[in-house]
PDB file of all heavy atoms in Angstrom:
ATOM      1  N   ARG A   1     -12.190 -41.526   4.717  1.00  0.00           N
ATOM      2  CA  ARG A   1     -10.861 -42.172   4.681  1.00  0.00           C
ATOM      3  C   ARG A   1     -10.882 -43.230   3.577  1.00  0.00           C
ATOM      4  O   ARG A   1      -9.975 -43.339   2.814  1.00  0.00           O
ATOM      5  CB  ARG A   1     -10.562 -42.790   6.019  1.00  0.00           C
ATOM      6  CG  ARG A   1     -10.218 -41.793   7.118  1.00  0.00           C
ATOM      7  CD  ARG A   1      -9.817 -42.439   8.356  1.00  0.00           C
ATOM      8  NE  ARG A   1      -9.918 -41.438   9.434  1.00  0.00           N
ATOM      9  CZ  ARG A   1     -10.313 -41.737  10.655  1.00  0.00           C
ATOM     10  NH1 ARG A   1     -10.671 -42.958  10.978  1.00  0.00           N
ATOM     11  NH2 ARG A   1     -10.376 -40.793  11.580  1.00  0.00           N
ATOM     12  N   THR A   2     -11.944 -44.030   3.481  1.00  0.00           N
ATOM     13  CA  THR A   2     -12.090 -45.048   2.495  1.00  0.00           C
ATOM     14  C   THR A   2     -12.075 -44.401   1.092  1.00  0.00           C
ATOM     15  O   THR A   2     -11.357 -44.747   0.195  1.00  0.00           O
ATOM     16  CB  THR A   2     -13.342 -45.833   2.647  1.00  0.00           C
ATOM     17  OG1 THR A   2     -13.347 -46.416   3.928  1.00  0.00           O
ATOM     18  CG2 THR A   2     -13.472 -46.935   1.645  1.00  0.00           C
ATOM     19  N   THR A   3     -12.848 -43.328   0.968  1.00  0.00           N
ATOM     20  CA  THR A   3     -12.900 -42.614  -0.288  1.00  0.00           C
ATOM     21  C   THR A   3     -11.548 -42.027  -0.648  1.00  0.00           C
ATOM     22  O   THR A   3     -11.150 -42.219  -1.798  1.00  0.00           O
ATOM     23  CB  THR A   3     -13.949 -41.434  -0.166  1.00  0.00           C
ATOM     24  OG1 THR A   3     -15.218 -42.048   0.130  1.00  0.00           O
ATOM     25  CG2 THR A   3     -14.132 -40.749  -1.562  1.00  0.00           C
ATOM     26  N   SER A   4     -10.899 -41.418   0.327  1.00  0.00           N
ATOM     27  CA  SER A   4      -9.590 -40.848   0.016  1.00  0.00           C
ATOM     28  C   SER A   4      -8.569 -41.931  -0.345  1.00  0.00           C
ATOM     29  O   SER A   4      -7.750 -41.787  -1.192  1.00  0.00           O
ATOM     30  CB  SER A   4      -9.066 -39.950   1.099  1.00  0.00           C
ATOM     31  OG  SER A   4      -8.712 -40.702   2.234  1.00  0.00           O
ATOM     32  N   THR A   5      -8.698 -43.107   0.360  1.00  0.00           N
ATOM     33  CA  THR A   5      -7.814 -44.231   0.037  1.00  0.00           C
ATOM     34  C   THR A   5      -8.117 -44.703  -1.404  1.00  0.00           C
ATOM     35  O   THR A   5      -7.215 -44.944  -2.144  1.00  0.00           O
ATOM     36  CB  THR A   5      -8.048 -45.357   1.010  1.00  0.00           C
ATOM     37  OG1 THR A   5      -7.787 -44.877   2.359  1.00  0.00           O
ATOM     38  CG2 THR A   5      -7.154 -46.558   0.716  1.00  0.00           C
ATOM     39  N   ARG A   6      -9.336 -44.819  -1.728  1.00  0.00           N
ATOM     40  CA  ARG A   6      -9.733 -45.188  -3.081  1.00  0.00           C
ATOM     41  C   ARG A   6      -9.218 -44.204  -4.066  1.00  0.00           C
ATOM     42  O   ARG A   6      -8.711 -44.565  -5.095  1.00  0.00           O
ATOM     43  CB  ARG A   6     -11.237 -45.406  -3.191  1.00  0.00           C
ATOM     44  CG  ARG A   6     -11.722 -46.637  -2.557  1.00  0.00           C
ATOM     45  CD  ARG A   6     -13.153 -46.854  -2.780  1.00  0.00           C
ATOM     46  NE  ARG A   6     -13.660 -48.000  -1.990  1.00  0.00           N
ATOM     47  CZ  ARG A   6     -14.863 -48.222  -1.672  1.00  0.00           C
ATOM     48  NH1 ARG A   6     -15.829 -47.341  -1.962  1.00  0.00           N
ATOM     49  NH2 ARG A   6     -15.162 -49.318  -1.016  1.00  0.00           N
ATOM     50  N   ARG A   7      -9.356 -42.928  -3.734  1.00  0.00           N
ATOM     51  CA  ARG A   7      -8.844 -41.894  -4.672  1.00  0.00           C
ATOM     52  C   ARG A   7      -7.356 -42.087  -4.848  1.00  0.00           C
ATOM     53  O   ARG A   7      -6.868 -41.964  -5.948  1.00  0.00           O
ATOM     54  CB  ARG A   7      -9.190 -40.507  -4.152  1.00  0.00           C
ATOM     55  CG  ARG A   7     -10.618 -40.157  -4.323  1.00  0.00           C
ATOM     56  CD  ARG A   7     -10.889 -38.777  -3.823  1.00  0.00           C
ATOM     57  NE  ARG A   7     -12.320 -38.526  -3.810  1.00  0.00           N
ATOM     58  CZ  ARG A   7     -12.959 -37.719  -2.939  1.00  0.00           C
ATOM     59  NH1 ARG A   7     -12.227 -37.029  -2.090  1.00  0.00           N
ATOM     60  NH2 ARG A   7     -14.221 -37.559  -3.038  1.00  0.00           N
ATOM     61  N   SER A   8      -6.679 -42.298  -3.734  1.00  0.00           N
ATOM     62  CA  SER A   8      -5.230 -42.497  -3.797  1.00  0.00           C
ATOM     63  C   SER A   8      -4.934 -43.675  -4.644  1.00  0.00           C
ATOM     64  O   SER A   8      -4.048 -43.638  -5.492  1.00  0.00           O
ATOM     65  CB  SER A   8      -4.594 -42.740  -2.447  1.00  0.00           C
ATOM     66  OG  SER A   8      -4.806 -41.626  -1.602  1.00  0.00           O
ATOM     67  N   SER A   9      -5.669 -44.839  -4.484  1.00  0.00           N
ATOM     68  CA  SER A   9      -5.421 -45.997  -5.318  1.00  0.00           C
ATOM     69  C   SER A   9      -5.693 -45.664  -6.745  1.00  0.00           C
ATOM     70  O   SER A   9      -4.929 -46.061  -7.626  1.00  0.00           O
ATOM     71  CB  SER A   9      -6.387 -47.115  -4.911  1.00  0.00           C
ATOM     72  OG  SER A   9      -6.159 -47.450  -3.543  1.00  0.00           O
ATOM     73  N   THR A  10      -6.797 -44.974  -6.995  1.00  0.00           N
ATOM     74  CA  THR A  10      -7.121 -44.648  -8.385  1.00  0.00           C
ATOM     75  C   THR A  10      -6.065 -43.730  -8.990  1.00  0.00           C
ATOM     76  O   THR A  10      -5.581 -43.918 -10.066  1.00  0.00           O
ATOM     77  CB  THR A  10      -8.468 -43.899  -8.434  1.00  0.00           C
ATOM     78  OG1 THR A  10      -9.463 -44.741  -7.841  1.00  0.00           O
ATOM     79  CG2 THR A  10      -8.878 -43.555  -9.863  1.00  0.00           C
ATOM     80  N   THR A  11      -5.600 -42.773  -8.204  1.00  0.00           N
ATOM     81  CA  THR A  11      -4.571 -41.883  -8.669  1.00  0.00           C
ATOM     82  C   THR A  11      -3.316 -42.645  -8.939  1.00  0.00           C
ATOM     83  O   THR A  11      -2.691 -42.511  -9.986  1.00  0.00           O
ATOM     84  CB  THR A  11      -4.320 -40.760  -7.635  1.00  0.00           C
ATOM     85  OG1 THR A  11      -5.534 -40.052  -7.392  1.00  0.00           O
ATOM     86  CG2 THR A  11      -3.248 -39.801  -8.087  1.00  0.00           C
ATOM     87  N   SER A  12      -2.883 -43.488  -7.983  1.00  0.00           N
ATOM     88  CA  SER A  12      -1.644 -44.259  -8.205  1.00  0.00           C
ATOM     89  C   SER A  12      -1.800 -45.234  -9.332  1.00  0.00           C
ATOM     90  O   SER A  12      -0.847 -45.410 -10.097  1.00  0.00           O
ATOM     91  CB  SER A  12      -1.246 -44.935  -6.908  1.00  0.00           C
ATOM     92  OG  SER A  12      -2.162 -45.955  -6.533  1.00  0.00           O
ATOM     93  N   SER A  13      -2.977 -45.889  -9.490  1.00  0.00           N
ATOM     94  CA  SER A  13      -3.091 -46.811 -10.576  1.00  0.00           C
ATOM     95  C   SER A  13      -3.202 -46.087 -11.955  1.00  0.00           C
ATOM     96  O   SER A  13      -2.748 -46.638 -12.930  1.00  0.00           O
ATOM     97  CB  SER A  13      -4.315 -47.783 -10.359  1.00  0.00           C
ATOM     98  OG  SER A  13      -5.463 -47.032 -10.358  1.00  0.00           O
ATOM     99  N   SER A  14      -3.773 -44.854 -11.918  1.00  0.00           N
ATOM    100  CA  SER A  14      -3.832 -44.134 -13.170  1.00  0.00           C
ATOM    101  C   SER A  14      -2.427 -43.580 -13.513  1.00  0.00           C
ATOM    102  O   SER A  14      -2.097 -43.383 -14.673  1.00  0.00           O
ATOM    103  CB  SER A  14      -4.856 -43.056 -13.114  1.00  0.00           C
ATOM    104  OG  SER A  14      -4.446 -42.029 -12.197  1.00  0.00           O
ATOM    105  N   SER A  15      -1.580 -43.363 -12.516  1.00  0.00           N
ATOM    106  CA  SER A  15      -0.224 -42.896 -12.783  1.00  0.00           C
ATOM    107  C   SER A  15       0.727 -44.050 -13.204  1.00  0.00           C
ATOM    108  O   SER A  15       1.706 -43.847 -13.822  1.00  0.00           O
ATOM    109  CB  SER A  15       0.361 -42.105 -11.674  1.00  0.00           C
ATOM    110  OG  SER A  15       0.492 -42.932 -10.525  1.00  0.00           O
ATOM    111  N   ALA A  16       0.324 -45.250 -12.824  1.00  0.00           N
ATOM    112  CA  ALA A  16       1.118 -46.431 -13.239  1.00  0.00           C
ATOM    113  C   ALA A  16       0.644 -46.866 -14.654  1.00  0.00           C
ATOM    114  O   ALA A  16      -0.518 -47.095 -14.816  1.00  0.00           O
ATOM    115  CB  ALA A  16       0.902 -47.590 -12.239  1.00  0.00           C
ATOM    116  N   LEU A  17       1.525 -46.789 -15.597  1.00  0.00           N
ATOM    117  CA  LEU A  17       1.146 -47.030 -16.961  1.00  0.00           C
ATOM    118  C   LEU A  17       0.925 -48.567 -17.209  1.00  0.00           C
ATOM    119  O   LEU A  17       1.501 -49.411 -16.559  1.00  0.00           O
ATOM    120  CB  LEU A  17       2.247 -46.539 -17.914  1.00  0.00           C
ATOM    121  CG  LEU A  17       2.444 -45.050 -17.889  1.00  0.00           C
ATOM    122  CD1 LEU A  17       3.550 -44.658 -18.871  1.00  0.00           C
ATOM    123  CD2 LEU A  17       1.189 -44.292 -18.244  1.00  0.00           C
ATOM    124  N   GLN A  18      -0.004 -48.854 -18.116  1.00  0.00           N
ATOM    125  CA  GLN A  18      -0.335 -50.207 -18.450  1.00  0.00           C
ATOM    126  C   GLN A  18       0.300 -50.595 -19.763  1.00  0.00           C
ATOM    127  O   GLN A  18       0.578 -49.719 -20.579  1.00  0.00           O
ATOM    128  CB  GLN A  18      -1.845 -50.337 -18.536  1.00  0.00           C
ATOM    129  CG  GLN A  18      -2.575 -49.993 -17.280  1.00  0.00           C
ATOM    130  CD  GLN A  18      -4.100 -50.045 -17.469  1.00  0.00           C
ATOM    131  OE1 GLN A  18      -4.568 -50.300 -18.608  1.00  0.00           O
ATOM    132  NE2 GLN A  18      -4.868 -49.754 -16.468  1.00  0.00           N
ATOM    133  N   ASP A  19       0.389 -51.914 -20.003  1.00  0.00           N
ATOM    134  CA  ASP A  19       0.888 -52.386 -21.270  1.00  0.00           C
ATOM    135  C   ASP A  19      -0.165 -52.046 -22.345  1.00  0.00           C
ATOM    136  O   ASP A  19      -1.325 -51.893 -22.030  1.00  0.00           O
ATOM    137  CB  ASP A  19       1.079 -53.934 -21.212  1.00  0.00           C
ATOM    138  CG  ASP A  19       2.246 -54.333 -20.391  1.00  0.00           C
ATOM    139  OD1 ASP A  19       3.168 -53.553 -20.241  1.00  0.00           O
ATOM    140  OD2 ASP A  19       2.262 -55.475 -19.923  1.00  0.00           O
ATOM    141  N   GLY A  20       0.327 -52.010 -23.570  1.00  0.00           N
ATOM    142  CA  GLY A  20      -0.541 -51.702 -24.719  1.00  0.00           C
ATOM    143  C   GLY A  20      -0.969 -53.002 -25.359  1.00  0.00           C
ATOM    144  O   GLY A  20      -0.674 -54.057 -24.876  1.00  0.00           O
ATOM    145  N   THR A  21      -1.623 -52.845 -26.520  1.00  0.00           N
ATOM    146  CA  THR A  21      -2.057 -54.031 -27.302  1.00  0.00           C
ATOM    147  C   THR A  21      -1.457 -53.901 -28.704  1.00  0.00           C
ATOM    148  O   THR A  21      -1.221 -52.772 -29.200  1.00  0.00           O
ATOM    149  CB  THR A  21      -3.580 -54.152 -27.397  1.00  0.00           C
ATOM    150  OG1 THR A  21      -4.101 -52.930 -27.895  1.00  0.00           O
ATOM    151  CG2 THR A  21      -4.190 -54.430 -26.045  1.00  0.00           C
ATOM    152  N   ALA A  22      -1.219 -55.016 -29.306  1.00  0.00           N
ATOM    153  CA  ALA A  22      -0.680 -55.088 -30.682  1.00  0.00           C
ATOM    154  C   ALA A  22      -1.547 -55.949 -31.543  1.00  0.00           C
ATOM    155  O   ALA A  22      -2.006 -56.971 -31.104  1.00  0.00           O
ATOM    156  CB  ALA A  22       0.779 -55.572 -30.634  1.00  0.00           C
ATOM    157  N   LEU A  23      -1.654 -55.588 -32.819  1.00  0.00           N
ATOM    158  CA  LEU A  23      -2.477 -56.283 -33.794  1.00  0.00           C
ATOM    159  C   LEU A  23      -1.855 -56.169 -35.164  1.00  0.00           C
ATOM    160  O   LEU A  23      -1.393 -55.137 -35.544  1.00  0.00           O
ATOM    161  CB  LEU A  23      -3.914 -55.622 -33.840  1.00  0.00           C
ATOM    162  CG  LEU A  23      -4.872 -56.120 -34.820  1.00  0.00           C
ATOM    163  CD1 LEU A  23      -5.361 -57.513 -34.459  1.00  0.00           C
ATOM    164  CD2 LEU A  23      -6.064 -55.156 -34.872  1.00  0.00           C
ATOM    165  N   VAL A  24      -1.760 -57.404 -35.863  1.00  0.00           N
ATOM    166  CA  VAL A  24      -1.262 -57.334 -37.203  1.00  0.00           C
ATOM    167  C   VAL A  24      -2.322 -56.731 -38.128  1.00  0.00           C
ATOM    168  O   VAL A  24      -3.447 -57.223 -38.252  1.00  0.00           O
ATOM    169  CB  VAL A  24      -0.952 -58.764 -37.766  1.00  0.00           C
ATOM    170  CG1 VAL A  24      -0.503 -58.770 -39.184  1.00  0.00           C
ATOM    171  CG2 VAL A  24       0.154 -59.409 -36.871  1.00  0.00           C
ATOM    172  N   VAL A  25      -2.008 -55.611 -38.726  1.00  0.00           N
ATOM    173  CA  VAL A  25      -2.913 -54.949 -39.701  1.00  0.00           C
ATOM    174  C   VAL A  25      -2.784 -55.604 -41.080  1.00  0.00           C
ATOM    175  O   VAL A  25      -3.776 -55.818 -41.721  1.00  0.00           O
ATOM    176  CB  VAL A  25      -2.625 -53.428 -39.763  1.00  0.00           C
ATOM    177  CG1 VAL A  25      -3.455 -52.745 -40.797  1.00  0.00           C
ATOM    178  CG2 VAL A  25      -2.795 -52.799 -38.391  1.00  0.00           C
ATOM    179  N   SER A  26      -1.549 -55.875 -41.448  1.00  0.00           N
ATOM    180  CA  SER A  26      -1.327 -56.551 -42.746  1.00  0.00           C
ATOM    181  C   SER A  26      -0.012 -57.322 -42.691  1.00  0.00           C
ATOM    182  O   SER A  26       0.935 -56.935 -42.030  1.00  0.00           O
ATOM    183  CB  SER A  26      -1.261 -55.536 -43.908  1.00  0.00           C
ATOM    184  OG  SER A  26      -0.212 -54.662 -43.750  1.00  0.00           O
ATOM    185  N   CYS A  27       0.012 -58.447 -43.390  1.00  0.00           N
ATOM    186  CA  CYS A  27       1.224 -59.282 -43.410  1.00  0.00           C
ATOM    187  C   CYS A  27       2.024 -58.958 -44.661  1.00  0.00           C
ATOM    188  O   CYS A  27       1.473 -58.412 -45.593  1.00  0.00           O
ATOM    189  CB  CYS A  27       0.839 -60.731 -43.412  1.00  0.00           C
ATOM    190  SG  CYS A  27       2.234 -61.835 -43.026  1.00  0.00           S
ATOM    191  N   ALA A  28       3.262 -59.285 -44.679  1.00  0.00           N
ATOM    192  CA  ALA A  28       4.088 -59.010 -45.872  1.00  0.00           C
ATOM    193  C   ALA A  28       3.713 -59.843 -47.056  1.00  0.00           C
ATOM    194  O   ALA A  28       3.229 -60.985 -46.860  1.00  0.00           O
ATOM    195  CB  ALA A  28       5.580 -59.274 -45.494  1.00  0.00           C
ATOM    196  N   THR A  29       3.835 -59.320 -48.207  1.00  0.00           N
ATOM    197  CA  THR A  29       3.534 -60.002 -49.496  1.00  0.00           C
ATOM    198  C   THR A  29       4.660 -59.656 -50.415  1.00  0.00           C
ATOM    199  O   THR A  29       5.509 -58.758 -50.161  1.00  0.00           O
ATOM    200  CB  THR A  29       2.244 -59.594 -50.118  1.00  0.00           C
ATOM    201  OG1 THR A  29       2.310 -58.175 -50.441  1.00  0.00           O
ATOM    202  CG2 THR A  29       1.056 -59.836 -49.147  1.00  0.00           C
ATOM    203  N   LYS A  30       4.732 -60.334 -51.561  1.00  0.00           N
ATOM    204  CA  LYS A  30       5.762 -60.022 -52.594  1.00  0.00           C
ATOM    205  C   LYS A  30       5.549 -58.564 -53.086  1.00  0.00           C
ATOM    206  O   LYS A  30       6.544 -57.924 -53.355  1.00  0.00           O
ATOM    207  CB  LYS A  30       5.703 -61.071 -53.739  1.00  0.00           C
ATOM    208  CG  LYS A  30       6.199 -62.361 -53.302  1.00  0.00           C
ATOM    209  CD  LYS A  30       6.170 -63.372 -54.441  1.00  0.00           C
ATOM    210  CE  LYS A  30       6.632 -64.684 -53.869  1.00  0.00           C
ATOM    211  NZ  LYS A  30       6.621 -65.759 -54.857  1.00  0.00           N
ATOM    212  N   ALA A  31       4.328 -58.137 -53.183  1.00  0.00           N
ATOM    213  CA  ALA A  31       4.084 -56.801 -53.652  1.00  0.00           C
ATOM    214  C   ALA A  31       4.410 -55.713 -52.568  1.00  0.00           C
ATOM    215  O   ALA A  31       4.932 -54.633 -52.933  1.00  0.00           O
ATOM    216  CB  ALA A  31       2.623 -56.633 -54.053  1.00  0.00           C
ATOM    217  N   ILE A  32       4.177 -56.037 -51.324  1.00  0.00           N
ATOM    218  CA  ILE A  32       4.498 -55.105 -50.224  1.00  0.00           C
ATOM    219  C   ILE A  32       5.289 -55.924 -49.211  1.00  0.00           C
ATOM    220  O   ILE A  32       4.692 -56.672 -48.413  1.00  0.00           O
ATOM    221  CB  ILE A  32       3.229 -54.565 -49.551  1.00  0.00           C
ATOM    222  CG1 ILE A  32       2.373 -53.831 -50.628  1.00  0.00           C
ATOM    223  CG2 ILE A  32       3.594 -53.618 -48.426  1.00  0.00           C
ATOM    224  CD1 ILE A  32       1.014 -53.409 -50.080  1.00  0.00           C
ATOM    225  N   PRO A  33       6.582 -55.855 -49.283  1.00  0.00           N
ATOM    226  CA  PRO A  33       7.504 -56.781 -48.462  1.00  0.00           C
ATOM    227  C   PRO A  33       7.629 -56.359 -46.974  1.00  0.00           C
ATOM    228  O   PRO A  33       8.762 -56.545 -46.439  1.00  0.00           O
ATOM    229  CB  PRO A  33       8.808 -56.709 -49.171  1.00  0.00           C
ATOM    230  CG  PRO A  33       8.841 -55.340 -49.796  1.00  0.00           C
ATOM    231  CD  PRO A  33       7.408 -55.049 -50.165  1.00  0.00           C
ATOM    232  N   TYR A  34       6.593 -55.933 -46.387  1.00  0.00           N
ATOM    233  CA  TYR A  34       6.677 -55.642 -44.933  1.00  0.00           C
ATOM    234  C   TYR A  34       5.290 -55.856 -44.303  1.00  0.00           C
ATOM    235  O   TYR A  34       4.285 -55.727 -44.984  1.00  0.00           O
ATOM    236  CB  TYR A  34       7.182 -54.203 -44.678  1.00  0.00           C
ATOM    237  CG  TYR A  34       6.342 -53.100 -45.347  1.00  0.00           C
ATOM    238  CD1 TYR A  34       5.190 -52.592 -44.681  1.00  0.00           C
ATOM    239  CD2 TYR A  34       6.724 -52.601 -46.568  1.00  0.00           C
ATOM    240  CE1 TYR A  34       4.420 -51.643 -45.320  1.00  0.00           C
ATOM    241  CE2 TYR A  34       5.920 -51.588 -47.186  1.00  0.00           C
ATOM    242  CZ  TYR A  34       4.799 -51.118 -46.551  1.00  0.00           C
ATOM    243  OH  TYR A  34       4.014 -50.162 -47.136  1.00  0.00           O
ATOM    244  N   ALA A  35       5.349 -56.202 -43.074  1.00  0.00           N
ATOM    245  CA  ALA A  35       4.116 -56.351 -42.302  1.00  0.00           C
ATOM    246  C   ALA A  35       3.850 -55.060 -41.522  1.00  0.00           C
ATOM    247  O   ALA A  35       4.817 -54.317 -41.164  1.00  0.00           O
ATOM    248  CB  ALA A  35       4.249 -57.504 -41.352  1.00  0.00           C
ATOM    249  N   THR A  36       2.609 -54.755 -41.243  1.00  0.00           N
ATOM    250  CA  THR A  36       2.242 -53.580 -40.456  1.00  0.00           C
ATOM    251  C   THR A  36       1.575 -54.051 -39.159  1.00  0.00           C
ATOM    252  O   THR A  36       0.630 -54.826 -39.209  1.00  0.00           O
ATOM    253  CB  THR A  36       1.349 -52.634 -41.242  1.00  0.00           C
ATOM    254  OG1 THR A  36       2.062 -52.242 -42.374  1.00  0.00           O
ATOM    255  CG2 THR A  36       1.013 -51.380 -40.451  1.00  0.00           C
ATOM    256  N   VAL A  37       2.070 -53.542 -38.047  1.00  0.00           N
ATOM    257  CA  VAL A  37       1.533 -53.841 -36.731  1.00  0.00           C
ATOM    258  C   VAL A  37       1.015 -52.556 -36.127  1.00  0.00           C
ATOM    259  O   VAL A  37       1.738 -51.564 -36.089  1.00  0.00           O
ATOM    260  CB  VAL A  37       2.536 -54.499 -35.820  1.00  0.00           C
ATOM    261  CG1 VAL A  37       1.997 -54.772 -34.459  1.00  0.00           C
ATOM    262  CG2 VAL A  37       3.020 -55.848 -36.444  1.00  0.00           C
TER     263      VAL A  37
END
């Protein structure tokens, strides 16, 4: 029962999507007037 409960939790938490992460790859310059994230 515990195992199946854990499986259910794992299944439900894996089906619930998580937030992502963001990182500035490059900032805008006069030569390239846009930033890339």
